[in-house]
Amino acid sequence: MFKIPTLRPAVGLAAVFAAAMFAAPAAHSQVTMDWSTVGNAGNAADPATGFGSVSYDYRIGTHEVTNAQYATFLNSVAASDPNALYNPNMGSNARGGITRSGVDGSYTYSVKPNMGDKPVNYTSWYDAARFSNWMTNGQGSGGTESGVYTFDGMNSITAITRDMSNPNQVFIPTEDEWYKAAYHQPESQGGAAGDYWLYATQSNTAPTMATATSTGDVANPGANVANYGFGAGWDGLNGNLTTVGSAGSTSYYGAFDMNGNVFDWNETLIGDNRGVRGGAWGFSFEFNLRSTFRGDNSPLVENDSLGFRVASPIPGPGSVAVLGIAGLAFTRRRR
């Protein structure tokens, strides 16, 4: 399987960013998540890949989790950070969006200028799982070690438990859930049963590369635009990441940036690894964006091209679907 390499910054802007940062979110801040409903339950899988069939309706994050949202999470749970939820590259690398101040026991976190609404990166799969548990547990002082994902160590989970009748649950989407939300083309859109687009912009034509404004909004938004291939600039401007949603392109179900910006983790095990999909800002070829491209990485990996979005059950009456799988144990975190 394709492994996502760590890309190195072209320029070091840490000193500039450290001199002018946003104030840390208040302790009572809450993360508000925009959701896109993924309907058409029971759809057929993509005949080209075998992915995308989901038997229930669900919600997926309209946007990738942003630096501002992740900083709120850190300020809630990581005054001490025994689980290394913060990667120092978030502060020192031009493509990271969060700085940390203080000492262990009283750490605070702030977003860099122009980076609050960019997708968070340098997050491992375990970071995404703990963020999901925290969301499930009501945020604030909610715990990170149980919820959907049951941890028994820093990088070890014993179970994944979902209850699709509980709209308070938040989880990392499975590969099928992510794939359907990105590529599915329902019959109402001219497709036959089981049809899918090649790109997550409701297109079978490669997206136009995004360019960026001085604040990192996409300067050329449109119906088939994505931030990939260094199109947003190789000059360190906004870390080459673009404001979530500013490309203007969505999947059929209304989710932005399912192609480009950063690769998204998914929940599915591929050997000992976890799946990643969607392409990223710094990958020159559009094939990384395609439905036919399947990536995976160790759940410990953290780099400037990896982020995540979350999913959740539909509010209201629904059938119960409980899934449980064994987790993987690791003894150290890779940087």
C-alpha atoms as a PDB file:
ATOM      1  CA  MET A   1       0.000   0.000   0.000  1.00  0.00           C
ATOM      2  CA  PHE A   2       1.033   3.593  -0.592  1.00  0.00           C
ATOM      3  CA  LYS A   3       2.670   5.231   2.427  1.00  0.00           C
ATOM      4  CA  ILE A   4       2.303   8.981   2.860  1.00  0.00           C
ATOM      5  CA  PRO A   5       5.787  10.523   3.188  1.00  0.00           C
ATOM      6  CA  THR A   6       6.614  13.383   5.503  1.00  0.00           C
ATOM      7  CA  LEU A   7       7.229  16.584   3.545  1.00  0.00           C
ATOM      8  CA  ARG A   8       9.704  19.158   4.765  1.00  0.00           C
ATOM      9  CA  PRO A   9       9.010  22.899   4.905  1.00  0.00           C
ATOM     10  CA  ALA A  10      10.488  25.080   2.209  1.00  0.00           C
ATOM     11  CA  VAL A  11      10.943  27.938   4.644  1.00  0.00           C
ATOM     12  CA  GLY A  12      10.979  28.251   8.422  1.00  0.00           C
ATOM     13  CA  LEU A  13       8.492  30.817   9.673  1.00  0.00           C
ATOM     14  CA  ALA A  14       8.240  29.703  13.289  1.00  0.00           C
ATOM     15  CA  ALA A  15       9.879  32.870  14.612  1.00  0.00           C
ATOM     16  CA  VAL A  16       7.473  35.084  12.675  1.00  0.00           C
ATOM     17  CA  PHE A  17       4.436  33.155  13.819  1.00  0.00           C
ATOM     18  CA  ALA A  18       5.596  32.987  17.426  1.00  0.00           C
ATOM     19  CA  ALA A  19       5.811  36.767  17.560  1.00  0.00           C
ATOM     20  CA  ALA A  20       2.179  37.271  16.596  1.00  0.00           C
ATOM     21  CA  MET A  21      -0.355  34.659  17.619  1.00  0.00           C
ATOM     22  CA  PHE A  22      -4.025  34.569  18.420  1.00  0.00           C
ATOM     23  CA  ALA A  23      -5.130  34.362  22.026  1.00  0.00           C
ATOM     24  CA  ALA A  24      -5.776  30.866  23.331  1.00  0.00           C
ATOM     25  CA  PRO A  25      -9.409  29.781  23.318  1.00  0.00           C
ATOM     26  CA  ALA A  26     -11.214  30.291  26.617  1.00  0.00           C
ATOM     27  CA  ALA A  27     -11.569  27.264  28.853  1.00  0.00           C
ATOM     28  CA  HIS A  28     -15.333  27.192  28.256  1.00  0.00           C
ATOM     29  CA  SER A  29     -15.025  27.214  24.461  1.00  0.00           C
ATOM     30  CA  GLN A  30     -16.928  24.521  22.606  1.00  0.00           C
ATOM     31  CA  VAL A  31     -16.260  22.979  19.232  1.00  0.00           C
ATOM     32  CA  THR A  32     -19.147  23.426  16.829  1.00  0.00           C
ATOM     33  CA  MET A  33     -19.120  20.846  14.071  1.00  0.00           C
ATOM     34  CA  ASP A  34     -20.845  21.367  10.721  1.00  0.00           C
ATOM     35  CA  TRP A  35     -22.357  18.122   9.458  1.00  0.00           C
ATOM     36  CA  SER A  36     -23.319  16.831   6.028  1.00  0.00           C
ATOM     37  CA  THR A  37     -25.951  14.096   5.903  1.00  0.00           C
ATOM     38  CA  VAL A  38     -25.058  11.033   3.849  1.00  0.00           C
ATOM     39  CA  GLY A  39     -28.301   9.344   2.840  1.00  0.00           C
ATOM     40  CA  ASN A  40     -29.219   6.687   0.279  1.00  0.00           C
ATOM     41  CA  ALA A  41     -28.699   3.882   2.800  1.00  0.00           C
ATOM     42  CA  GLY A  42     -28.060   0.472   1.322  1.00  0.00           C
ATOM     43  CA  ASN A  43     -26.279   1.751  -1.777  1.00  0.00           C
ATOM     44  CA  ALA A  44     -24.193  -0.639  -3.827  1.00  0.00           C
ATOM     45  CA  ALA A  45     -20.410  -0.597  -3.644  1.00  0.00           C
ATOM     46  CA  ASP A  46     -18.321   0.958  -6.394  1.00  0.00           C
ATOM     47  CA  PRO A  47     -17.796  -1.880  -8.893  1.00  0.00           C
ATOM     48  CA  ALA A  48     -14.368  -0.477  -9.735  1.00  0.00           C
ATOM     49  CA  THR A  49     -13.016  -0.749  -6.181  1.00  0.00           C
ATOM     50  CA  GLY A  50     -15.509  -2.591  -3.996  1.00  0.00           C
ATOM     51  CA  PHE A  51     -15.798   0.330  -1.571  1.00  0.00           C
ATOM     52  CA  GLY A  52     -18.593   2.697  -0.626  1.00  0.00           C
ATOM     53  CA  SER A  53     -21.532   0.492   0.349  1.00  0.00           C
ATOM     54  CA  VAL A  54     -23.100   1.651   3.642  1.00  0.00           C
ATOM     55  CA  SER A  55     -26.322   0.166   5.012  1.00  0.00           C
ATOM     56  CA  TYR A  56     -27.362   3.164   7.165  1.00  0.00           C
ATOM     57  CA  ASP A  57     -27.616   6.933   6.931  1.00  0.00           C
ATOM     58  CA  TYR A  58     -25.022   8.956   8.856  1.00  0.00           C
ATOM     59  CA  ARG A  59     -23.368  12.371   9.085  1.00  0.00           C
ATOM     60  CA  ILE A  60     -19.843  13.319   8.114  1.00  0.00           C
ATOM     61  CA  GLY A  61     -17.961  16.489   8.944  1.00  0.00           C
ATOM     62  CA  THR A  62     -18.646  19.103   6.283  1.00  0.00           C
ATOM     63  CA  HIS A  63     -15.029  20.182   6.807  1.00  0.00           C
ATOM     64  CA  GLU A  64     -11.836  18.625   8.038  1.00  0.00           C
ATOM     65  CA  VAL A  65     -11.138  19.344  11.710  1.00  0.00           C
ATOM     66  CA  THR A  66      -9.436  22.738  11.878  1.00  0.00           C
ATOM     67  CA  ASN A  67      -6.564  24.109  13.925  1.00  0.00           C
ATOM     68  CA  ALA A  68      -9.021  26.243  15.921  1.00  0.00           C
ATOM     69  CA  GLN A  69     -11.127  23.197  16.796  1.00  0.00           C
ATOM     70  CA  TYR A  70      -8.111  21.101  17.710  1.00  0.00           C
ATOM     71  CA  ALA A  71      -6.644  23.936  19.819  1.00  0.00           C
ATOM     72  CA  THR A  72      -9.914  24.065  21.778  1.00  0.00           C
ATOM     73  CA  PHE A  73      -9.549  20.332  22.368  1.00  0.00           C
ATOM     74  CA  LEU A  74      -5.951  20.762  23.541  1.00  0.00           C
ATOM     75  CA  ASN A  75      -6.880  23.589  25.908  1.00  0.00           C
ATOM     76  CA  SER A  76      -9.542  21.336  27.418  1.00  0.00           C
ATOM     77  CA  VAL A  77      -7.518  18.160  27.942  1.00  0.00           C
ATOM     78  CA  ALA A  78      -3.790  18.817  27.523  1.00  0.00           C
ATOM     79  CA  ALA A  79      -2.635  21.184  30.278  1.00  0.00           C
ATOM     80  CA  SER A  80      -0.405  18.175  30.782  1.00  0.00           C
ATOM     81  CA  ASP A  81       0.043  16.104  27.666  1.00  0.00           C
ATOM     82  CA  PRO A  82       0.984  12.522  28.571  1.00  0.00           C
ATOM     83  CA  ASN A  83      -0.557  11.199  25.356  1.00  0.00           C
ATOM     84  CA  ALA A  84       1.389  13.622  23.140  1.00  0.00           C
ATOM     85  CA  LEU A  85      -1.725  15.079  21.566  1.00  0.00           C
ATOM     86  CA  TYR A  86       0.379  18.086  20.585  1.00  0.00           C
ATOM     87  CA  ASN A  87       3.184  17.611  18.100  1.00  0.00           C
ATOM     88  CA  PRO A  88       5.854  20.364  18.403  1.00  0.00           C
ATOM     89  CA  ASN A  89       5.922  20.587  14.609  1.00  0.00           C
ATOM     90  CA  MET A  90       2.507  22.229  14.866  1.00  0.00           C
ATOM     91  CA  GLY A  91       4.351  25.233  16.241  1.00  0.00           C
ATOM     92  CA  SER A  92       7.743  25.086  14.560  1.00  0.00           C
ATOM     93  CA  ASN A  93       6.725  24.053  11.038  1.00  0.00           C
ATOM     94  CA  ALA A  94       5.235  26.653   8.700  1.00  0.00           C
ATOM     95  CA  ARG A  95       2.476  24.205   7.843  1.00  0.00           C
ATOM     96  CA  GLY A  96       1.495  23.620  11.454  1.00  0.00           C
ATOM     97  CA  GLY A  97      -1.153  25.876  12.905  1.00  0.00           C
ATOM     98  CA  ILE A  98      -0.924  25.729  16.717  1.00  0.00           C
ATOM     99  CA  THR A  99       1.629  26.977  19.254  1.00  0.00           C
ATOM    100  CA  ARG A 100       2.066  25.853  22.867  1.00  0.00           C
ATOM    101  CA  SER A 101       3.047  28.030  25.824  1.00  0.00           C
ATOM    102  CA  GLY A 102       3.776  27.391  29.480  1.00  0.00           C
ATOM    103  CA  VAL A 103       5.091  24.325  31.282  1.00  0.00           C
ATOM    104  CA  ASP A 104       3.800  20.826  31.860  1.00  0.00           C
ATOM    105  CA  GLY A 105       0.694  21.078  34.005  1.00  0.00           C
ATOM    106  CA  SER A 106      -0.246  24.538  32.739  1.00  0.00           C
ATOM    107  CA  TYR A 107       0.201  24.328  28.965  1.00  0.00           C
ATOM    108  CA  THR A 108      -2.001  26.586  26.851  1.00  0.00           C
ATOM    109  CA  TYR A 109      -2.474  26.467  23.093  1.00  0.00           C
ATOM    110  CA  SER A 110      -3.056  29.177  20.498  1.00  0.00           C
ATOM    111  CA  VAL A 111      -3.656  29.194  16.767  1.00  0.00           C
ATOM    112  CA  LYS A 112      -1.260  30.990  14.454  1.00  0.00           C
ATOM    113  CA  PRO A 113      -2.410  33.962  12.353  1.00  0.00           C
ATOM    114  CA  ASN A 114      -4.432  32.879   9.304  1.00  0.00           C
ATOM    115  CA  MET A 115      -4.271  29.243  10.417  1.00  0.00           C
ATOM    116  CA  GLY A 116      -7.336  28.816  12.625  1.00  0.00           C
ATOM    117  CA  ASP A 117      -9.583  27.797   9.744  1.00  0.00           C
ATOM    118  CA  LYS A 118      -6.997  25.610   8.027  1.00  0.00           C
ATOM    119  CA  PRO A 119      -7.125  21.830   8.567  1.00  0.00           C
ATOM    120  CA  VAL A 120      -5.122  20.570  11.522  1.00  0.00           C
ATOM    121  CA  ASN A 121      -2.183  18.342  10.621  1.00  0.00           C
ATOM    122  CA  TYR A 122       0.551  16.469  12.507  1.00  0.00           C
ATOM    123  CA  THR A 123      -2.190  14.358  14.077  1.00  0.00           C
ATOM    124  CA  SER A 124      -1.882  10.608  14.448  1.00  0.00           C
ATOM    125  CA  TRP A 125      -4.809   8.218  14.129  1.00  0.00           C
ATOM    126  CA  TYR A 126      -4.773   7.940  17.919  1.00  0.00           C
ATOM    127  CA  ASP A 127      -5.051  11.723  18.242  1.00  0.00           C
ATOM    128  CA  ALA A 128      -8.122  11.621  15.989  1.00  0.00           C
ATOM    129  CA  ALA A 129      -9.612   8.816  18.099  1.00  0.00           C
ATOM    130  CA  ARG A 130      -9.080  10.750  21.338  1.00  0.00           C
ATOM    131  CA  PHE A 131     -10.594  13.890  19.795  1.00  0.00           C
ATOM    132  CA  SER A 132     -13.600  11.745  18.812  1.00  0.00           C
ATOM    133  CA  ASN A 133     -13.950  10.365  22.357  1.00  0.00           C
ATOM    134  CA  TRP A 134     -13.790  13.895  23.771  1.00  0.00           C
ATOM    135  CA  MET A 135     -16.524  15.035  21.399  1.00  0.00           C
ATOM    136  CA  THR A 136     -18.606  11.953  22.290  1.00  0.00           C
ATOM    137  CA  ASN A 137     -18.201  12.691  26.005  1.00  0.00           C
ATOM    138  CA  GLY A 138     -19.550  16.219  25.741  1.00  0.00           C
ATOM    139  CA  GLN A 139     -16.284  18.151  25.268  1.00  0.00           C
ATOM    140  CA  GLY A 140     -15.194  20.390  28.156  1.00  0.00           C
ATOM    141  CA  SER A 141     -13.690  18.097  30.751  1.00  0.00           C
ATOM    142  CA  GLY A 142     -14.913  15.022  28.856  1.00  0.00           C
ATOM    143  CA  GLY A 143     -12.519  12.112  28.838  1.00  0.00           C
ATOM    144  CA  THR A 144     -10.383  10.930  25.944  1.00  0.00           C
ATOM    145  CA  GLU A 145      -9.706   7.307  26.913  1.00  0.00           C
ATOM    146  CA  SER A 146     -13.149   5.808  26.375  1.00  0.00           C
ATOM    147  CA  GLY A 147     -16.256   6.521  24.362  1.00  0.00           C
ATOM    148  CA  VAL A 148     -16.200   4.996  20.908  1.00  0.00           C
ATOM    149  CA  TYR A 149     -12.520   4.007  21.275  1.00  0.00           C
ATOM    150  CA  THR A 150     -11.409   2.184  24.429  1.00  0.00           C
ATOM    151  CA  PHE A 151      -7.756   2.863  25.199  1.00  0.00           C
ATOM    152  CA  ASP A 152      -5.590   0.776  27.509  1.00  0.00           C
ATOM    153  CA  GLY A 153      -2.361   2.654  26.876  1.00  0.00           C
ATOM    154  CA  MET A 154      -0.965   5.637  25.022  1.00  0.00           C
ATOM    155  CA  ASN A 155      -1.091   3.905  21.652  1.00  0.00           C
ATOM    156  CA  SER A 156      -3.240   0.869  22.341  1.00  0.00           C
ATOM    157  CA  ILE A 157      -6.981   0.349  21.956  1.00  0.00           C
ATOM    158  CA  THR A 158      -8.939  -2.720  22.956  1.00  0.00           C
ATOM    159  CA  ALA A 159     -12.255  -2.000  21.236  1.00  0.00           C
ATOM    160  CA  ILE A 160     -14.183   0.268  18.902  1.00  0.00           C
ATOM    161  CA  THR A 161     -17.833   0.428  19.939  1.00  0.00           C
ATOM    162  CA  ARG A 162     -20.444   2.274  17.909  1.00  0.00           C
ATOM    163  CA  ASP A 163     -24.105   2.812  18.637  1.00  0.00           C
ATOM    164  CA  MET A 164     -25.712   4.227  15.516  1.00  0.00           C
ATOM    165  CA  SER A 165     -28.840   5.143  17.508  1.00  0.00           C
ATOM    166  CA  ASN A 166     -26.799   7.565  19.650  1.00  0.00           C
ATOM    167  CA  PRO A 167     -26.289  10.903  17.837  1.00  0.00           C
ATOM    168  CA  ASN A 168     -23.877  12.027  20.554  1.00  0.00           C
ATOM    169  CA  GLN A 169     -21.288   9.560  19.349  1.00  0.00           C
ATOM    170  CA  VAL A 170     -18.494  10.962  17.190  1.00  0.00           C
ATOM    171  CA  PHE A 171     -16.026   8.698  15.417  1.00  0.00           C
ATOM    172  CA  ILE A 172     -13.482   8.476  12.638  1.00  0.00           C
ATOM    173  CA  PRO A 173     -15.344   7.376   9.484  1.00  0.00           C
ATOM    174  CA  THR A 174     -14.711   3.911   8.157  1.00  0.00           C
ATOM    175  CA  GLU A 175     -13.219   3.685   4.692  1.00  0.00           C
ATOM    176  CA  ASP A 176     -16.644   2.850   3.239  1.00  0.00           C
ATOM    177  CA  GLU A 177     -18.272   5.786   5.044  1.00  0.00           C
ATOM    178  CA  TRP A 178     -15.557   8.183   3.886  1.00  0.00           C
ATOM    179  CA  TYR A 179     -15.592   6.789   0.335  1.00  0.00           C
ATOM    180  CA  LYS A 180     -19.355   7.059  -0.056  1.00  0.00           C
ATOM    181  CA  ALA A 181     -19.415  10.621   1.299  1.00  0.00           C
ATOM    182  CA  ALA A 182     -16.685  11.571  -1.172  1.00  0.00           C
ATOM    183  CA  TYR A 183     -17.410   9.755  -4.432  1.00  0.00           C
ATOM    184  CA  HIS A 184     -20.959   8.376  -4.500  1.00  0.00           C
ATOM    185  CA  GLN A 185     -23.120   9.397  -7.464  1.00  0.00           C
ATOM    186  CA  PRO A 186     -26.753   8.512  -6.735  1.00  0.00           C
ATOM    187  CA  GLU A 187     -29.109   7.525  -9.507  1.00  0.00           C
ATOM    188  CA  SER A 188     -30.849  10.885  -9.061  1.00  0.00           C
ATOM    189  CA  GLN A 189     -27.659  12.489 -10.364  1.00  0.00           C
ATOM    190  CA  GLY A 190     -27.642  10.521 -13.582  1.00  0.00           C
ATOM    191  CA  GLY A 191     -25.760   7.513 -12.338  1.00  0.00           C
ATOM    192  CA  ALA A 192     -26.843   3.913 -12.440  1.00  0.00           C
ATOM    193  CA  ALA A 193     -27.038   1.986  -9.169  1.00  0.00           C
ATOM    194  CA  GLY A 194     -23.504   1.727  -7.850  1.00  0.00           C
ATOM    195  CA  ASP A 195     -22.068   4.627  -9.864  1.00  0.00           C
ATOM    196  CA  TYR A 196     -19.317   6.763  -8.385  1.00  0.00           C
ATOM    197  CA  TRP A 197     -17.360   9.760  -9.548  1.00  0.00           C
ATOM    198  CA  LEU A 198     -13.600   9.441  -9.923  1.00  0.00           C
ATOM    199  CA  TYR A 199     -13.006  12.634  -7.925  1.00  0.00           C
ATOM    200  CA  ALA A 200     -14.666  13.938  -4.770  1.00  0.00           C
ATOM    201  CA  THR A 201     -15.760  17.096  -6.586  1.00  0.00           C
ATOM    202  CA  GLN A 202     -18.651  15.396  -8.430  1.00  0.00           C
ATOM    203  CA  SER A 203     -16.442  15.041 -11.471  1.00  0.00           C
ATOM    204  CA  ASN A 204     -14.630  12.494 -13.605  1.00  0.00           C
ATOM    205  CA  THR A 205     -12.258  15.237 -14.777  1.00  0.00           C
ATOM    206  CA  ALA A 206      -9.194  16.090 -12.674  1.00  0.00           C
ATOM    207  CA  PRO A 207      -9.797  19.156 -10.473  1.00  0.00           C
ATOM    208  CA  THR A 208      -8.165  22.491 -11.187  1.00  0.00           C
ATOM    209  CA  MET A 209      -5.279  23.216  -8.798  1.00  0.00           C
ATOM    210  CA  ALA A 210      -6.153  25.819  -6.188  1.00  0.00           C
ATOM    211  CA  THR A 211      -4.241  29.068  -5.820  1.00  0.00           C
ATOM    212  CA  ALA A 212      -4.407  31.064  -2.606  1.00  0.00           C
ATOM    213  CA  THR A 213      -4.945  34.610  -1.408  1.00  0.00           C
ATOM    214  CA  SER A 214      -2.693  36.253   1.166  1.00  0.00           C
ATOM    215  CA  THR A 215      -4.834  34.849   3.975  1.00  0.00           C
ATOM    216  CA  GLY A 216      -5.065  31.367   2.515  1.00  0.00           C
ATOM    217  CA  ASP A 217      -8.535  31.436   1.011  1.00  0.00           C
ATOM    218  CA  VAL A 218      -8.719  29.741  -2.372  1.00  0.00           C
ATOM    219  CA  ALA A 219      -8.344  32.500  -4.968  1.00  0.00           C
ATOM    220  CA  ASN A 220      -9.933  30.544  -7.811  1.00  0.00           C
ATOM    221  CA  PRO A 221     -12.912  28.756  -6.228  1.00  0.00           C
ATOM    222  CA  GLY A 222     -15.204  26.775  -8.455  1.00  0.00           C
ATOM    223  CA  ALA A 223     -17.132  23.599  -9.074  1.00  0.00           C
ATOM    224  CA  ASN A 224     -14.050  21.417  -9.601  1.00  0.00           C
ATOM    225  CA  VAL A 225     -11.148  22.910  -7.628  1.00  0.00           C
ATOM    226  CA  ALA A 226      -8.876  21.251  -5.044  1.00  0.00           C
ATOM    227  CA  ASN A 227      -5.719  22.184  -3.138  1.00  0.00           C
ATOM    228  CA  TYR A 228      -3.114  19.745  -4.454  1.00  0.00           C
ATOM    229  CA  GLY A 229       0.078  19.775  -6.510  1.00  0.00           C
ATOM    230  CA  PHE A 230       1.538  22.802  -4.657  1.00  0.00           C
ATOM    231  CA  GLY A 231      -1.073  24.890  -6.439  1.00  0.00           C
ATOM    232  CA  ALA A 232      -1.561  27.110  -3.388  1.00  0.00           C
ATOM    233  CA  GLY A 233       2.089  28.185  -3.559  1.00  0.00           C
ATOM    234  CA  TRP A 234       5.481  26.805  -2.530  1.00  0.00           C
ATOM    235  CA  ASP A 235       6.500  29.926  -0.620  1.00  0.00           C
ATOM    236  CA  GLY A 236       5.316  29.077   2.881  1.00  0.00           C
ATOM    237  CA  LEU A 237       2.237  31.276   2.465  1.00  0.00           C
ATOM    238  CA  ASN A 238      -0.274  29.986   5.013  1.00  0.00           C
ATOM    239  CA  GLY A 239       1.710  26.783   5.092  1.00  0.00           C
ATOM    240  CA  ASN A 240       0.347  25.829   1.647  1.00  0.00           C
ATOM    241  CA  LEU A 241      -2.948  24.942   3.310  1.00  0.00           C
ATOM    242  CA  THR A 242      -6.177  26.669   2.333  1.00  0.00           C
ATOM    243  CA  THR A 243      -9.213  27.722   4.347  1.00  0.00           C
ATOM    244  CA  VAL A 244     -11.599  24.785   4.691  1.00  0.00           C
ATOM    245  CA  GLY A 245     -14.469  25.081   2.238  1.00  0.00           C
ATOM    246  CA  SER A 246     -12.979  27.980   0.305  1.00  0.00           C
ATOM    247  CA  ALA A 247     -12.303  25.863  -2.803  1.00  0.00           C
ATOM    248  CA  GLY A 248     -16.060  25.923  -3.376  1.00  0.00           C
ATOM    249  CA  SER A 249     -16.222  22.287  -4.483  1.00  0.00           C
ATOM    250  CA  THR A 250     -18.177  19.640  -2.599  1.00  0.00           C
ATOM    251  CA  SER A 251     -19.044  16.004  -2.896  1.00  0.00           C
ATOM    252  CA  TYR A 252     -22.653  15.163  -3.737  1.00  0.00           C
ATOM    253  CA  TYR A 253     -23.425  15.083   0.005  1.00  0.00           C
ATOM    254  CA  GLY A 254     -21.976  18.557   0.602  1.00  0.00           C
ATOM    255  CA  ALA A 255     -18.593  17.787   2.176  1.00  0.00           C
ATOM    256  CA  PHE A 256     -15.718  20.122   1.262  1.00  0.00           C
ATOM    257  CA  ASP A 257     -12.044  19.283   0.682  1.00  0.00           C
ATOM    258  CA  MET A 258     -12.513  15.545   0.422  1.00  0.00           C
ATOM    259  CA  ASN A 259      -9.936  15.997  -2.306  1.00  0.00           C
ATOM    260  CA  GLY A 260      -6.852  17.984  -1.368  1.00  0.00           C
ATOM    261  CA  ASN A 261      -5.699  20.117   1.577  1.00  0.00           C
ATOM    262  CA  VAL A 262      -4.725  17.121   3.779  1.00  0.00           C
ATOM    263  CA  PHE A 263      -5.205  13.373   3.591  1.00  0.00           C
ATOM    264  CA  ASP A 264      -7.930  12.163   5.983  1.00  0.00           C
ATOM    265  CA  TRP A 265      -7.465   9.241   8.329  1.00  0.00           C
ATOM    266  CA  ASN A 266     -10.165   6.588   8.246  1.00  0.00           C
ATOM    267  CA  GLU A 267     -10.971   3.878  10.769  1.00  0.00           C
ATOM    268  CA  THR A 268     -10.375   0.836   8.575  1.00  0.00           C
ATOM    269  CA  LEU A 269      -7.460  -1.470   9.328  1.00  0.00           C
ATOM    270  CA  ILE A 270      -5.220  -2.319   6.389  1.00  0.00           C
ATOM    271  CA  GLY A 271      -2.844  -4.900   7.776  1.00  0.00           C
ATOM    272  CA  ASP A 272      -1.412  -3.209  10.869  1.00  0.00           C
ATOM    273  CA  ASN A 273      -2.066   0.253   9.424  1.00  0.00           C
ATOM    274  CA  ARG A 274      -5.047   2.588   9.184  1.00  0.00           C
ATOM    275  CA  GLY A 275      -6.459   3.890   5.935  1.00  0.00           C
ATOM    276  CA  VAL A 276      -5.944   7.378   4.507  1.00  0.00           C
ATOM    277  CA  ARG A 277      -7.713   8.922   1.524  1.00  0.00           C
ATOM    278  CA  GLY A 278      -8.304  12.108  -0.411  1.00  0.00           C
ATOM    279  CA  GLY A 279      -4.949  13.542  -1.483  1.00  0.00           C
ATOM    280  CA  ALA A 280      -3.129  16.554  -0.059  1.00  0.00           C
ATOM    281  CA  TRP A 281      -1.687  19.957  -0.896  1.00  0.00           C
ATOM    282  CA  GLY A 282       1.864  18.771  -1.593  1.00  0.00           C
ATOM    283  CA  PHE A 283       1.285  15.805  -3.894  1.00  0.00           C
ATOM    284  CA  SER A 284       1.960  16.743  -7.469  1.00  0.00           C
ATOM    285  CA  PHE A 285      -0.173  14.190  -9.276  1.00  0.00           C
ATOM    286  CA  GLU A 286      -3.947  14.067  -9.307  1.00  0.00           C
ATOM    287  CA  PHE A 287      -4.021  10.272  -8.999  1.00  0.00           C
ATOM    288  CA  ASN A 288      -3.827  10.689  -5.199  1.00  0.00           C
ATOM    289  CA  LEU A 289      -7.269  12.316  -5.357  1.00  0.00           C
ATOM    290  CA  ARG A 290      -8.961   9.475  -7.229  1.00  0.00           C
ATOM    291  CA  SER A 291     -11.423   6.982  -5.846  1.00  0.00           C
ATOM    292  CA  THR A 292      -9.091   4.269  -7.138  1.00  0.00           C
ATOM    293  CA  PHE A 293      -6.227   5.485  -4.922  1.00  0.00           C
ATOM    294  CA  ARG A 294      -6.053   3.743  -1.539  1.00  0.00           C
ATOM    295  CA  GLY A 295      -3.434   4.785   1.011  1.00  0.00           C
ATOM    296  CA  ASP A 296      -2.508   3.581   4.487  1.00  0.00           C
ATOM    297  CA  ASN A 297      -0.090   4.468   7.235  1.00  0.00           C
ATOM    298  CA  SER A 298       0.960   3.399  10.696  1.00  0.00           C
ATOM    299  CA  PRO A 299      -1.538   4.967  13.117  1.00  0.00           C
ATOM    300  CA  LEU A 300       1.461   6.575  14.836  1.00  0.00           C
ATOM    301  CA  VAL A 301       2.500   8.665  11.835  1.00  0.00           C
ATOM    302  CA  GLU A 302       2.157  12.446  12.091  1.00  0.00           C
ATOM    303  CA  ASN A 303       3.125  14.747   9.239  1.00  0.00           C
ATOM    304  CA  ASP A 304       2.207  17.960   7.455  1.00  0.00           C
ATOM    305  CA  SER A 305      -0.077  16.201   4.957  1.00  0.00           C
ATOM    306  CA  LEU A 306      -2.226  14.162   7.363  1.00  0.00           C
ATOM    307  CA  GLY A 307      -5.370  15.354   9.133  1.00  0.00           C
ATOM    308  CA  PHE A 308      -8.852  14.019   9.746  1.00  0.00           C
ATOM    309  CA  ARG A 309     -12.573  14.610   9.728  1.00  0.00           C
ATOM    310  CA  VAL A 310     -15.168  12.943  11.917  1.00  0.00           C
ATOM    311  CA  ALA A 311     -18.560  11.282  11.456  1.00  0.00           C
ATOM    312  CA  SER A 312     -21.634  10.747  13.631  1.00  0.00           C
ATOM    313  CA  PRO A 313     -25.024   8.986  13.612  1.00  0.00           C
ATOM    314  CA  ILE A 314     -28.108  10.812  12.367  1.00  0.00           C
ATOM    315  CA  PRO A 315     -30.134  12.394  15.215  1.00  0.00           C
ATOM    316  CA  GLY A 316     -33.511  10.792  15.802  1.00  0.00           C
ATOM    317  CA  PRO A 317     -34.889   7.241  15.844  1.00  0.00           C
ATOM    318  CA  GLY A 318     -32.672   4.643  14.240  1.00  0.00           C
ATOM    319  CA  SER A 319     -31.562   1.080  14.458  1.00  0.00           C
ATOM    320  CA  VAL A 320     -28.709   0.082  16.714  1.00  0.00           C
ATOM    321  CA  ALA A 321     -25.491  -1.014  15.060  1.00  0.00           C
ATOM    322  CA  VAL A 322     -22.703  -1.897  17.459  1.00  0.00           C
ATOM    323  CA  LEU A 323     -19.303  -2.685  16.046  1.00  0.00           C
ATOM    324  CA  GLY A 324     -16.346  -3.890  18.051  1.00  0.00           C
ATOM    325  CA  ILE A 325     -12.829  -4.722  16.950  1.00  0.00           C
ATOM    326  CA  ALA A 326      -9.547  -5.262  18.686  1.00  0.00           C
ATOM    327  CA  GLY A 327      -7.017  -2.465  18.633  1.00  0.00           C
ATOM    328  CA  LEU A 328      -3.296  -2.468  18.047  1.00  0.00           C
ATOM    329  CA  ALA A 329      -0.656  -1.923  20.711  1.00  0.00           C
ATOM    330  CA  PHE A 330       2.387   0.278  20.104  1.00  0.00           C
ATOM    331  CA  THR A 331       5.013   1.365  22.557  1.00  0.00           C
ATOM    332  CA  ARG A 332       6.219   4.672  21.194  1.00  0.00           C
ATOM    333  CA  ARG A 333       5.198   7.569  19.019  1.00  0.00           C
ATOM    334  CA  ARG A 334       7.032   8.419  15.839  1.00  0.00           C
ATOM    335  CA  ARG A 335       7.854  12.006  15.075  1.00  0.00           C
END
